[in-house]
Amino acid sequence: MRVCQLCGKKPAVGRTITTRGLPKKVGGIGTKVTGITKRRFKPNIQKVRVNVDGGTKRMRICTRCLKSGRVQKA
């Protein structure tokens, strides 16, 4: 699964909105929504060997936790 084992970050849900037409401020009659599609924002998760309790352990950690220094790489 795509879940960070430290912070619990997982895929977020969003959507893309497709529009058509010329905006009113440019001289058109306005933009119309022609479609809404669901999408997922996936976290950047890496398998990393980490020092935990004096030993090494392989964990799945998001890059935000790696950059912030929450864990010490083995």
N, C-alpha and C. Protein backbone atom coordinates (compact mmCIF):
# COMPACT_ATOMS: atom_id res chain seq x y z
N MET A 1 0.83 -1.20 0.00
CA MET A 1 0.00 0.00 0.00
C MET A 1 0.86 1.25 0.00
N ARG A 2 0.32 2.32 -0.53
CA ARG A 2 1.05 3.58 -0.59
C ARG A 2 0.75 4.41 0.65
N VAL A 3 1.28 3.98 1.79
CA VAL A 3 1.06 4.70 3.04
C VAL A 3 2.40 4.87 3.73
N CYS A 4 2.68 6.08 4.21
CA CYS A 4 3.91 6.35 4.96
C CYS A 4 3.78 5.71 6.34
N GLN A 5 4.79 4.94 6.76
CA GLN A 5 4.73 4.26 8.04
C GLN A 5 5.05 5.19 9.21
N LEU A 6 5.48 6.42 8.92
CA LEU A 6 5.74 7.37 10.01
C LEU A 6 4.56 8.33 10.22
N CYS A 7 4.18 9.03 9.17
CA CYS A 7 3.15 10.07 9.33
C CYS A 7 1.77 9.60 8.88
N GLY A 8 1.69 8.46 8.19
CA GLY A 8 0.40 7.95 7.77
C GLY A 8 -0.16 8.61 6.52
N LYS A 9 0.70 9.31 5.80
CA LYS A 9 0.24 9.97 4.57
C LYS A 9 -0.16 8.92 3.54
N LYS A 10 -1.32 9.13 2.90
CA LYS A 10 -1.82 8.19 1.90
C LYS A 10 -2.44 8.95 0.74
N PRO A 11 -2.83 8.26 -0.34
CA PRO A 11 -3.36 8.98 -1.50
C PRO A 11 -4.57 9.83 -1.15
N ALA A 12 -4.58 11.05 -1.69
CA ALA A 12 -5.71 11.97 -1.50
C ALA A 12 -6.54 11.99 -2.77
N VAL A 13 -7.82 12.30 -2.64
CA VAL A 13 -8.74 12.30 -3.76
C VAL A 13 -9.03 13.73 -4.19
N GLY A 14 -9.08 13.93 -5.50
CA GLY A 14 -9.42 15.24 -6.04
C GLY A 14 -10.14 15.06 -7.35
N ARG A 15 -10.22 16.12 -8.14
CA ARG A 15 -10.84 16.00 -9.44
C ARG A 15 -10.29 17.06 -10.38
N THR A 16 -10.36 16.77 -11.67
CA THR A 16 -9.99 17.74 -12.69
C THR A 16 -11.28 18.23 -13.34
N ILE A 17 -11.34 19.53 -13.56
CA ILE A 17 -12.52 20.13 -14.17
C ILE A 17 -12.13 20.65 -15.55
N THR A 18 -12.79 20.15 -16.58
CA THR A 18 -12.52 20.56 -17.96
C THR A 18 -13.53 21.64 -18.34
N THR A 19 -13.01 22.75 -18.88
CA THR A 19 -13.88 23.86 -19.26
C THR A 19 -13.73 24.17 -20.74
N ARG A 20 -14.69 24.90 -21.27
CA ARG A 20 -14.70 25.25 -22.68
C ARG A 20 -15.30 26.64 -22.81
N GLY A 21 -14.79 27.41 -23.74
CA GLY A 21 -15.34 28.74 -23.99
C GLY A 21 -14.35 29.83 -23.61
N LEU A 22 -14.67 31.04 -23.99
CA LEU A 22 -13.83 32.20 -23.74
C LEU A 22 -14.33 32.94 -22.50
N PRO A 23 -13.43 33.30 -21.59
CA PRO A 23 -13.86 34.00 -20.37
C PRO A 23 -14.51 35.35 -20.70
N LYS A 24 -15.39 35.79 -19.81
CA LYS A 24 -16.10 37.06 -20.02
C LYS A 24 -15.15 38.24 -20.06
N LYS A 25 -14.11 38.21 -19.22
CA LYS A 25 -13.20 39.35 -19.18
C LYS A 25 -12.34 39.48 -20.44
N VAL A 26 -12.35 38.43 -21.28
CA VAL A 26 -11.62 38.48 -22.54
C VAL A 26 -12.54 38.83 -23.70
N GLY A 27 -13.85 38.79 -23.44
CA GLY A 27 -14.81 39.16 -24.48
C GLY A 27 -15.74 38.04 -24.88
N GLY A 28 -15.67 36.90 -24.18
CA GLY A 28 -16.55 35.78 -24.53
C GLY A 28 -17.82 35.81 -23.70
N ILE A 29 -18.56 34.72 -23.75
CA ILE A 29 -19.80 34.64 -22.98
C ILE A 29 -19.62 33.85 -21.69
N GLY A 30 -18.40 33.46 -21.40
CA GLY A 30 -18.11 32.74 -20.16
C GLY A 30 -17.71 31.31 -20.43
N THR A 31 -17.02 30.72 -19.48
CA THR A 31 -16.59 29.33 -19.64
C THR A 31 -17.64 28.39 -19.07
N LYS A 32 -17.80 27.26 -19.71
CA LYS A 32 -18.75 26.24 -19.28
C LYS A 32 -18.00 24.98 -18.89
N VAL A 33 -18.47 24.29 -17.86
CA VAL A 33 -17.87 23.04 -17.43
C VAL A 33 -18.37 21.94 -18.36
N THR A 34 -17.43 21.20 -18.99
CA THR A 34 -17.82 20.13 -19.91
C THR A 34 -17.58 18.75 -19.32
N GLY A 35 -16.81 18.68 -18.22
CA GLY A 35 -16.57 17.37 -17.63
C GLY A 35 -15.82 17.47 -16.33
N ILE A 36 -16.14 16.56 -15.41
CA ILE A 36 -15.44 16.47 -14.13
C ILE A 36 -14.98 15.04 -13.97
N THR A 37 -13.67 14.85 -13.77
CA THR A 37 -13.09 13.52 -13.67
C THR A 37 -12.39 13.37 -12.33
N LYS A 38 -12.61 12.23 -11.67
CA LYS A 38 -11.92 11.97 -10.41
C LYS A 38 -10.46 11.65 -10.67
N ARG A 39 -9.60 11.99 -9.72
CA ARG A 39 -8.19 11.66 -9.80
C ARG A 39 -7.63 11.46 -8.40
N ARG A 40 -6.43 10.89 -8.31
CA ARG A 40 -5.79 10.65 -7.02
C ARG A 40 -4.43 11.32 -7.00
N PHE A 41 -4.10 11.92 -5.87
CA PHE A 41 -2.78 12.50 -5.65
C PHE A 41 -2.00 11.50 -4.81
N LYS A 42 -1.00 10.84 -5.41
CA LYS A 42 -0.27 9.79 -4.71
C LYS A 42 0.97 10.37 -4.03
N PRO A 43 1.22 10.00 -2.78
CA PRO A 43 2.42 10.48 -2.08
C PRO A 43 3.67 9.80 -2.63
N ASN A 44 4.79 10.49 -2.55
CA ASN A 44 6.06 9.95 -3.03
C ASN A 44 6.67 9.11 -1.90
N ILE A 45 6.46 7.80 -1.98
CA ILE A 45 6.89 6.90 -0.91
C ILE A 45 8.06 6.06 -1.39
N GLN A 46 9.10 5.98 -0.56
CA GLN A 46 10.32 5.24 -0.88
C GLN A 46 10.53 4.13 0.15
N LYS A 47 11.09 3.00 -0.31
CA LYS A 47 11.52 1.95 0.62
C LYS A 47 12.92 2.30 1.06
N VAL A 48 13.11 2.48 2.38
CA VAL A 48 14.39 2.96 2.91
C VAL A 48 14.79 2.09 4.09
N ARG A 49 16.08 1.80 4.20
CA ARG A 49 16.59 1.11 5.39
C ARG A 49 16.87 2.17 6.45
N VAL A 50 16.29 1.95 7.64
CA VAL A 50 16.29 2.96 8.69
C VAL A 50 16.84 2.37 9.99
N ASN A 51 17.55 3.20 10.76
CA ASN A 51 18.01 2.79 12.09
C ASN A 51 16.86 2.95 13.08
N VAL A 52 16.44 1.81 13.68
CA VAL A 52 15.36 1.84 14.66
C VAL A 52 15.77 0.97 15.85
N ASP A 53 15.80 1.55 17.05
CA ASP A 53 16.12 0.82 18.28
C ASP A 53 17.43 0.05 18.19
N GLY A 54 18.44 0.68 17.63
CA GLY A 54 19.76 0.04 17.55
C GLY A 54 19.93 -0.93 16.41
N GLY A 55 18.88 -1.23 15.66
CA GLY A 55 18.96 -2.14 14.53
C GLY A 55 18.45 -1.47 13.27
N THR A 56 18.62 -2.16 12.16
CA THR A 56 18.12 -1.60 10.90
C THR A 56 16.82 -2.29 10.52
N LYS A 57 15.96 -1.50 9.87
CA LYS A 57 14.65 -2.00 9.48
C LYS A 57 14.28 -1.34 8.16
N ARG A 58 13.63 -2.08 7.27
CA ARG A 58 13.20 -1.51 6.00
C ARG A 58 11.78 -0.97 6.17
N MET A 59 11.60 0.31 5.81
CA MET A 59 10.30 0.96 5.99
C MET A 59 9.91 1.70 4.72
N ARG A 60 8.61 1.95 4.58
CA ARG A 60 8.10 2.78 3.50
C ARG A 60 7.83 4.17 4.06
N ILE A 61 8.60 5.14 3.57
CA ILE A 61 8.54 6.49 4.15
C ILE A 61 8.37 7.51 3.03
N CYS A 62 7.54 8.51 3.27
CA CYS A 62 7.36 9.57 2.28
C CYS A 62 8.59 10.48 2.28
N THR A 63 8.82 11.12 1.16
CA THR A 63 10.02 11.94 1.02
C THR A 63 9.99 13.16 1.93
N ARG A 64 8.81 13.58 2.34
CA ARG A 64 8.72 14.72 3.27
C ARG A 64 9.34 14.36 4.62
N CYS A 65 9.07 13.13 5.09
CA CYS A 65 9.66 12.68 6.36
C CYS A 65 11.16 12.48 6.21
N LEU A 66 11.61 12.01 5.05
CA LEU A 66 13.04 11.83 4.81
C LEU A 66 13.78 13.16 4.82
N LYS A 67 13.22 14.15 4.13
CA LYS A 67 13.88 15.46 4.04
C LYS A 67 13.91 16.19 5.37
N SER A 68 12.84 16.02 6.17
CA SER A 68 12.77 16.73 7.44
C SER A 68 13.66 16.12 8.50
N GLY A 69 14.18 14.92 8.24
CA GLY A 69 15.09 14.27 9.19
C GLY A 69 14.39 13.54 10.32
N ARG A 70 13.17 13.09 10.10
CA ARG A 70 12.45 12.35 11.14
C ARG A 70 13.08 11.00 11.41
N VAL A 71 13.75 10.44 10.41
CA VAL A 71 14.39 9.14 10.56
C VAL A 71 15.87 9.24 10.19
N GLN A 72 16.65 8.32 10.73
CA GLN A 72 18.07 8.25 10.42
C GLN A 72 18.29 7.08 9.47
N LYS A 73 18.81 7.35 8.29
CA LYS A 73 19.05 6.28 7.32
C LYS A 73 20.20 5.41 7.78
N ALA A 74 20.09 4.11 7.48
CA ALA A 74 21.13 3.16 7.89
C ALA A 74 22.33 3.28 6.99
